[in-house]
Amino acid sequence: GVATADGVELRLERTQEELSLEIGTARESVSRAMRELKRTGLVETRTRNSLRIPDIAKLRSRANGR
């Protein structure tokens, strides 16, 4: 991603279907996880194939189970 004053901007190179196949889960699980990340403000959709992480430290903390 690219660091900006508003967070980290990421371009999504895979669809949810492709990602789910890559990690061995159902597409619905990926969709549910993304919805939860958006609901909690850890990820924001920018365009159809990009998103923004406003606070990378908070996302890392969540990923580490804190």
PDB file of N, CA and C in Angstrom:
ATOM      1  N   GLY A   1       0.800  -1.183   0.000  1.00  0.00           N
ATOM      2  CA  GLY A   1       0.000   0.000   0.000  1.00  0.00           C
ATOM      3  C   GLY A   1       0.848   1.254   0.000  1.00  0.00           C
ATOM      4  N   VAL A   2       0.174   2.371  -0.090  1.00  0.00           N
ATOM      5  CA  VAL A   2       0.823   3.681  -0.099  1.00  0.00           C
ATOM      6  C   VAL A   2       0.382   4.459   1.135  1.00  0.00           C
ATOM      7  N   ALA A   3       1.356   4.871   1.929  1.00  0.00           N
ATOM      8  CA  ALA A   3       1.043   5.667   3.119  1.00  0.00           C
ATOM      9  C   ALA A   3       0.655   7.075   2.706  1.00  0.00           C
ATOM     10  N   THR A   4      -0.446   7.576   3.272  1.00  0.00           N
ATOM     11  CA  THR A   4      -0.905   8.944   3.044  1.00  0.00           C
ATOM     12  C   THR A   4      -1.175   9.569   4.411  1.00  0.00           C
ATOM     13  N   ALA A   5      -1.515  10.833   4.418  1.00  0.00           N
ATOM     14  CA  ALA A   5      -1.858  11.508   5.665  1.00  0.00           C
ATOM     15  C   ALA A   5      -3.116  10.907   6.299  1.00  0.00           C
ATOM     16  N   ASP A   6      -3.963  10.255   5.478  1.00  0.00           N
ATOM     17  CA  ASP A   6      -5.223   9.681   5.952  1.00  0.00           C
ATOM     18  C   ASP A   6      -5.155   8.181   6.234  1.00  0.00           C
ATOM     19  N   GLY A   7      -3.987   7.590   6.112  1.00  0.00           N
ATOM     20  CA  GLY A   7      -3.853   6.153   6.342  1.00  0.00           C
ATOM     21  C   GLY A   7      -3.094   5.498   5.208  1.00  0.00           C
ATOM     22  N   VAL A   8      -3.334   4.209   5.045  1.00  0.00           N
ATOM     23  CA  VAL A   8      -2.673   3.442   3.991  1.00  0.00           C
ATOM     24  C   VAL A   8      -3.705   3.101   2.924  1.00  0.00           C
ATOM     25  N   GLU A   9      -3.417   3.469   1.682  1.00  0.00           N
ATOM     26  CA  GLU A   9      -4.287   3.175   0.546  1.00  0.00           C
ATOM     27  C   GLU A   9      -3.803   1.897  -0.123  1.00  0.00           C
ATOM     28  N   LEU A  10      -4.729   0.958  -0.349  1.00  0.00           N
ATOM     29  CA  LEU A  10      -4.405  -0.317  -0.974  1.00  0.00           C
ATOM     30  C   LEU A  10      -5.234  -0.545  -2.228  1.00  0.00           C
ATOM     31  N   ARG A  11      -4.601  -1.073  -3.251  1.00  0.00           N
ATOM     32  CA  ARG A  11      -5.311  -1.492  -4.452  1.00  0.00           C
ATOM     33  C   ARG A  11      -5.532  -2.993  -4.333  1.00  0.00           C
ATOM     34  N   LEU A  12      -6.762  -3.432  -4.508  1.00  0.00           N
ATOM     35  CA  LEU A  12      -7.104  -4.844  -4.395  1.00  0.00           C
ATOM     36  C   LEU A  12      -6.854  -5.534  -5.726  1.00  0.00           C
ATOM     37  N   GLU A  13      -5.963  -6.509  -5.723  1.00  0.00           N
ATOM     38  CA  GLU A  13      -5.593  -7.222  -6.941  1.00  0.00           C
ATOM     39  C   GLU A  13      -6.419  -8.489  -7.143  1.00  0.00           C
ATOM     40  N   ARG A  14      -7.149  -8.917  -6.124  1.00  0.00           N
ATOM     41  CA  ARG A  14      -7.930 -10.145  -6.204  1.00  0.00           C
ATOM     42  C   ARG A  14      -9.383  -9.878  -5.832  1.00  0.00           C
ATOM     43  N   THR A  15     -10.265 -10.694  -6.375  1.00  0.00           N
ATOM     44  CA  THR A  15     -11.667 -10.644  -5.964  1.00  0.00           C
ATOM     45  C   THR A  15     -11.810 -11.415  -4.660  1.00  0.00           C
ATOM     46  N   GLN A  16     -12.940 -11.264  -4.006  1.00  0.00           N
ATOM     47  CA  GLN A  16     -13.188 -12.035  -2.787  1.00  0.00           C
ATOM     48  C   GLN A  16     -13.184 -13.525  -3.093  1.00  0.00           C
ATOM     49  N   GLU A  17     -13.676 -13.898  -4.246  1.00  0.00           N
ATOM     50  CA  GLU A  17     -13.682 -15.307  -4.659  1.00  0.00           C
ATOM     51  C   GLU A  17     -12.249 -15.827  -4.786  1.00  0.00           C
ATOM     52  N   GLU A  18     -11.388 -15.066  -5.457  1.00  0.00           N
ATOM     53  CA  GLU A  18      -9.998 -15.480  -5.627  1.00  0.00           C
ATOM     54  C   GLU A  18      -9.283 -15.569  -4.278  1.00  0.00           C
ATOM     55  N   LEU A  19      -9.531 -14.604  -3.425  1.00  0.00           N
ATOM     56  CA  LEU A  19      -8.915 -14.602  -2.103  1.00  0.00           C
ATOM     57  C   LEU A  19      -9.372 -15.813  -1.289  1.00  0.00           C
ATOM     58  N   SER A  20     -10.649 -16.113  -1.339  1.00  0.00           N
ATOM     59  CA  SER A  20     -11.172 -17.249  -0.575  1.00  0.00           C
ATOM     60  C   SER A  20     -10.551 -18.563  -1.056  1.00  0.00           C
ATOM     61  N   LEU A  21     -10.379 -18.724  -2.359  1.00  0.00           N
ATOM     62  CA  LEU A  21      -9.732 -19.923  -2.883  1.00  0.00           C
ATOM     63  C   LEU A  21      -8.278 -20.009  -2.435  1.00  0.00           C
ATOM     64  N   GLU A  22      -7.610 -18.867  -2.411  1.00  0.00           N
ATOM     65  CA  GLU A  22      -6.206 -18.813  -2.023  1.00  0.00           C
ATOM     66  C   GLU A  22      -5.992 -19.207  -0.560  1.00  0.00           C
ATOM     67  N   ILE A  23      -6.908 -18.781   0.316  1.00  0.00           N
ATOM     68  CA  ILE A  23      -6.735 -19.084   1.736  1.00  0.00           C
ATOM     69  C   ILE A  23      -7.559 -20.294   2.191  1.00  0.00           C
ATOM     70  N   GLY A  24      -8.293 -20.898   1.273  1.00  0.00           N
ATOM     71  CA  GLY A  24      -9.010 -22.128   1.577  1.00  0.00           C
ATOM     72  C   GLY A  24     -10.258 -21.963   2.415  1.00  0.00           C
ATOM     73  N   THR A  25     -11.043 -20.946   2.108  1.00  0.00           N
ATOM     74  CA  THR A  25     -12.295 -20.729   2.834  1.00  0.00           C
ATOM     75  C   THR A  25     -13.389 -20.349   1.843  1.00  0.00           C
ATOM     76  N   ALA A  26     -14.603 -20.199   2.329  1.00  0.00           N
ATOM     77  CA  ALA A  26     -15.730 -19.810   1.476  1.00  0.00           C
ATOM     78  C   ALA A  26     -15.693 -18.304   1.221  1.00  0.00           C
ATOM     79  N   ARG A  27     -16.164 -17.896   0.056  1.00  0.00           N
ATOM     80  CA  ARG A  27     -16.215 -16.476  -0.285  1.00  0.00           C
ATOM     81  C   ARG A  27     -17.034 -15.707   0.737  1.00  0.00           C
ATOM     82  N   GLU A  28     -18.080 -16.336   1.253  1.00  0.00           N
ATOM     83  CA  GLU A  28     -18.935 -15.688   2.245  1.00  0.00           C
ATOM     84  C   GLU A  28     -18.150 -15.338   3.507  1.00  0.00           C
ATOM     85  N   SER A  29     -17.177 -16.170   3.868  1.00  0.00           N
ATOM     86  CA  SER A  29     -16.343 -15.890   5.044  1.00  0.00           C
ATOM     87  C   SER A  29     -15.488 -14.648   4.824  1.00  0.00           C
ATOM     88  N   VAL A  30     -14.954 -14.515   3.622  1.00  0.00           N
ATOM     89  CA  VAL A  30     -14.159 -13.330   3.289  1.00  0.00           C
ATOM     90  C   VAL A  30     -15.056 -12.099   3.311  1.00  0.00           C
ATOM     91  N   SER A  31     -16.234 -12.219   2.730  1.00  0.00           N
ATOM     92  CA  SER A  31     -17.184 -11.109   2.694  1.00  0.00           C
ATOM     93  C   SER A  31     -17.573 -10.689   4.105  1.00  0.00           C
ATOM     94  N   ARG A  32     -17.849 -11.660   4.968  1.00  0.00           N
ATOM     95  CA  ARG A  32     -18.228 -11.382   6.354  1.00  0.00           C
ATOM     96  C   ARG A  32     -17.094 -10.677   7.102  1.00  0.00           C
ATOM     97  N   ALA A  33     -15.877 -11.153   6.895  1.00  0.00           N
ATOM     98  CA  ALA A  33     -14.719 -10.544   7.568  1.00  0.00           C
ATOM     99  C   ALA A  33     -14.524  -9.107   7.100  1.00  0.00           C
ATOM    100  N   MET A  34     -14.657  -8.860   5.810  1.00  0.00           N
ATOM    101  CA  MET A  34     -14.513  -7.498   5.279  1.00  0.00           C
ATOM    102  C   MET A  34     -15.601  -6.583   5.827  1.00  0.00           C
ATOM    103  N   ARG A  35     -16.835  -7.086   5.898  1.00  0.00           N
ATOM    104  CA  ARG A  35     -17.935  -6.292   6.464  1.00  0.00           C
ATOM    105  C   ARG A  35     -17.635  -5.901   7.902  1.00  0.00           C
ATOM    106  N   GLU A  36     -17.098  -6.831   8.680  1.00  0.00           N
ATOM    107  CA  GLU A  36     -16.783  -6.554  10.082  1.00  0.00           C
ATOM    108  C   GLU A  36     -15.661  -5.521  10.185  1.00  0.00           C
ATOM    109  N   LEU A  37     -14.635  -5.642   9.354  1.00  0.00           N
ATOM    110  CA  LEU A  37     -13.546  -4.664   9.361  1.00  0.00           C
ATOM    111  C   LEU A  37     -14.067  -3.273   8.999  1.00  0.00           C
ATOM    112  N   LYS A  38     -14.984  -3.207   8.049  1.00  0.00           N
ATOM    113  CA  LYS A  38     -15.579  -1.918   7.657  1.00  0.00           C
ATOM    114  C   LYS A  38     -16.472  -1.379   8.776  1.00  0.00           C
ATOM    115  N   ARG A  39     -17.279  -2.262   9.372  1.00  0.00           N
ATOM    116  CA  ARG A  39     -18.202  -1.844  10.430  1.00  0.00           C
ATOM    117  C   ARG A  39     -17.449  -1.249  11.617  1.00  0.00           C
ATOM    118  N   THR A  40     -16.304  -1.802  11.932  1.00  0.00           N
ATOM    119  CA  THR A  40     -15.522  -1.333  13.068  1.00  0.00           C
ATOM    120  C   THR A  40     -14.587  -0.180  12.711  1.00  0.00           C
ATOM    121  N   GLY A  41     -14.589   0.228  11.441  1.00  0.00           N
ATOM    122  CA  GLY A  41     -13.783   1.370  11.021  1.00  0.00           C
ATOM    123  C   GLY A  41     -12.322   1.064  10.775  1.00  0.00           C
ATOM    124  N   LEU A  42     -11.964  -0.213  10.781  1.00  0.00           N
ATOM    125  CA  LEU A  42     -10.566  -0.577  10.545  1.00  0.00           C
ATOM    126  C   LEU A  42     -10.194  -0.507   9.070  1.00  0.00           C
ATOM    127  N   VAL A  43     -11.199  -0.619   8.199  1.00  0.00           N
ATOM    128  CA  VAL A  43     -11.001  -0.557   6.752  1.00  0.00           C
ATOM    129  C   VAL A  43     -12.126   0.279   6.156  1.00  0.00           C
ATOM    130  N   GLU A  44     -11.800   1.078   5.159  1.00  0.00           N
ATOM    131  CA  GLU A  44     -12.803   1.877   4.448  1.00  0.00           C
ATOM    132  C   GLU A  44     -12.684   1.597   2.958  1.00  0.00           C
ATOM    133  N   THR A  45     -13.805   1.378   2.304  1.00  0.00           N
ATOM    134  CA  THR A  45     -13.807   1.197   0.860  1.00  0.00           C
ATOM    135  C   THR A  45     -13.620   2.543   0.189  1.00  0.00           C
ATOM    136  N   ARG A  46     -12.699   2.611  -0.755  1.00  0.00           N
ATOM    137  CA  ARG A  46     -12.463   3.847  -1.498  1.00  0.00           C
ATOM    138  C   ARG A  46     -13.148   3.758  -2.863  1.00  0.00           C
ATOM    139  N   THR A  47     -12.792   2.764  -3.638  1.00  0.00           N
ATOM    140  CA  THR A  47     -13.415   2.491  -4.933  1.00  0.00           C
ATOM    141  C   THR A  47     -13.698   0.997  -4.981  1.00  0.00           C
ATOM    142  N   ARG A  48     -14.197   0.538  -6.103  1.00  0.00           N
ATOM    143  CA  ARG A  48     -14.535  -0.885  -6.246  1.00  0.00           C
ATOM    144  C   ARG A  48     -13.336  -1.788  -5.960  1.00  0.00           C
ATOM    145  N   ASN A  49     -12.142  -1.342  -6.308  1.00  0.00           N
ATOM    146  CA  ASN A  49     -10.966  -2.200  -6.126  1.00  0.00           C
ATOM    147  C   ASN A  49      -9.856  -1.545  -5.293  1.00  0.00           C
ATOM    148  N   SER A  50     -10.261  -0.670  -4.380  1.00  0.00           N
ATOM    149  CA  SER A  50      -9.265  -0.105  -3.470  1.00  0.00           C
ATOM    150  C   SER A  50      -9.902   0.186  -2.120  1.00  0.00           C
ATOM    151  N   LEU A  51      -9.043   0.210  -1.114  1.00  0.00           N
ATOM    152  CA  LEU A  51      -9.526   0.515   0.225  1.00  0.00           C
ATOM    153  C   LEU A  51      -8.477   1.303   0.976  1.00  0.00           C
ATOM    154  N   ARG A  52      -8.877   1.809   2.131  1.00  0.00           N
ATOM    155  CA  ARG A  52      -7.989   2.598   2.971  1.00  0.00           C
ATOM    156  C   ARG A  52      -8.014   2.026   4.379  1.00  0.00           C
ATOM    157  N   ILE A  53      -6.846   1.960   4.983  1.00  0.00           N
ATOM    158  CA  ILE A  53      -6.705   1.563   6.378  1.00  0.00           C
ATOM    159  C   ILE A  53      -6.355   2.833   7.142  1.00  0.00           C
ATOM    160  N   PRO A  54      -7.323   3.414   7.862  1.00  0.00           N
ATOM    161  CA  PRO A  54      -7.081   4.697   8.533  1.00  0.00           C
ATOM    162  C   PRO A  54      -6.017   4.628   9.625  1.00  0.00           C
ATOM    163  N   ASP A  55      -5.967   3.508  10.356  1.00  0.00           N
ATOM    164  CA  ASP A  55      -5.016   3.389  11.470  1.00  0.00           C
ATOM    165  C   ASP A  55      -4.407   1.986  11.439  1.00  0.00           C
ATOM    166  N   ILE A  56      -3.254   1.879  10.813  1.00  0.00           N
ATOM    167  CA  ILE A  56      -2.610   0.571  10.625  1.00  0.00           C
ATOM    168  C   ILE A  56      -2.287  -0.091  11.966  1.00  0.00           C
ATOM    169  N   ALA A  57      -1.958   0.692  12.988  1.00  0.00           N
ATOM    170  CA  ALA A  57      -1.653   0.125  14.303  1.00  0.00           C
ATOM    171  C   ALA A  57      -2.870  -0.581  14.897  1.00  0.00           C
ATOM    172  N   LYS A  58      -4.052   0.000  14.741  1.00  0.00           N
ATOM    173  CA  LYS A  58      -5.278  -0.634  15.237  1.00  0.00           C
ATOM    174  C   LYS A  58      -5.562  -1.935  14.499  1.00  0.00           C
ATOM    175  N   LEU A  59      -5.345  -1.940  13.176  1.00  0.00           N
ATOM    176  CA  LEU A  59      -5.563  -3.154  12.403  1.00  0.00           C
ATOM    177  C   LEU A  59      -4.572  -4.241  12.815  1.00  0.00           C
ATOM    178  N   ARG A  60      -3.320  -3.871  13.022  1.00  0.00           N
ATOM    179  CA  ARG A  60      -2.319  -4.848  13.479  1.00  0.00           C
ATOM    180  C   ARG A  60      -2.687  -5.402  14.845  1.00  0.00           C
ATOM    181  N   SER A  61      -3.154  -4.544  15.719  1.00  0.00           N
ATOM    182  CA  SER A  61      -3.552  -4.978  17.057  1.00  0.00           C
ATOM    183  C   SER A  61      -4.695  -5.987  16.955  1.00  0.00           C
ATOM    184  N   ARG A  62      -5.665  -5.711  16.124  1.00  0.00           N
ATOM    185  CA  ARG A  62      -6.798  -6.632  15.908  1.00  0.00           C
ATOM    186  C   ARG A  62      -6.305  -7.954  15.337  1.00  0.00           C
ATOM    187  N   ALA A  63      -5.372  -7.899  14.395  1.00  0.00           N
ATOM    188  CA  ALA A  63      -4.837  -9.113  13.779  1.00  0.00           C
ATOM    189  C   ALA A  63      -4.088  -9.970  14.808  1.00  0.00           C
ATOM    190  N   ASN A  64      -3.494  -9.307  15.795  1.00  0.00           N
ATOM    191  CA  ASN A  64      -2.755 -10.014  16.838  1.00  0.00           C
ATOM    192  C   ASN A  64      -3.632 -10.446  18.002  1.00  0.00           C
ATOM    193  N   GLY A  65      -4.940 -10.214  17.865  1.00  0.00           N
ATOM    194  CA  GLY A  65      -5.880 -10.651  18.899  1.00  0.00           C
ATOM    195  C   GLY A  65      -5.985  -9.764  20.104  1.00  0.00           C
ATOM    196  N   ARG A  66      -5.597  -8.496  19.957  1.00  0.00           N
ATOM    197  CA  ARG A  66      -5.664  -7.565  21.097  1.00  0.00           C
ATOM    198  C   ARG A  66      -6.857  -6.669  20.980  1.00  0.00           C
TER     199      ARG A  66
END
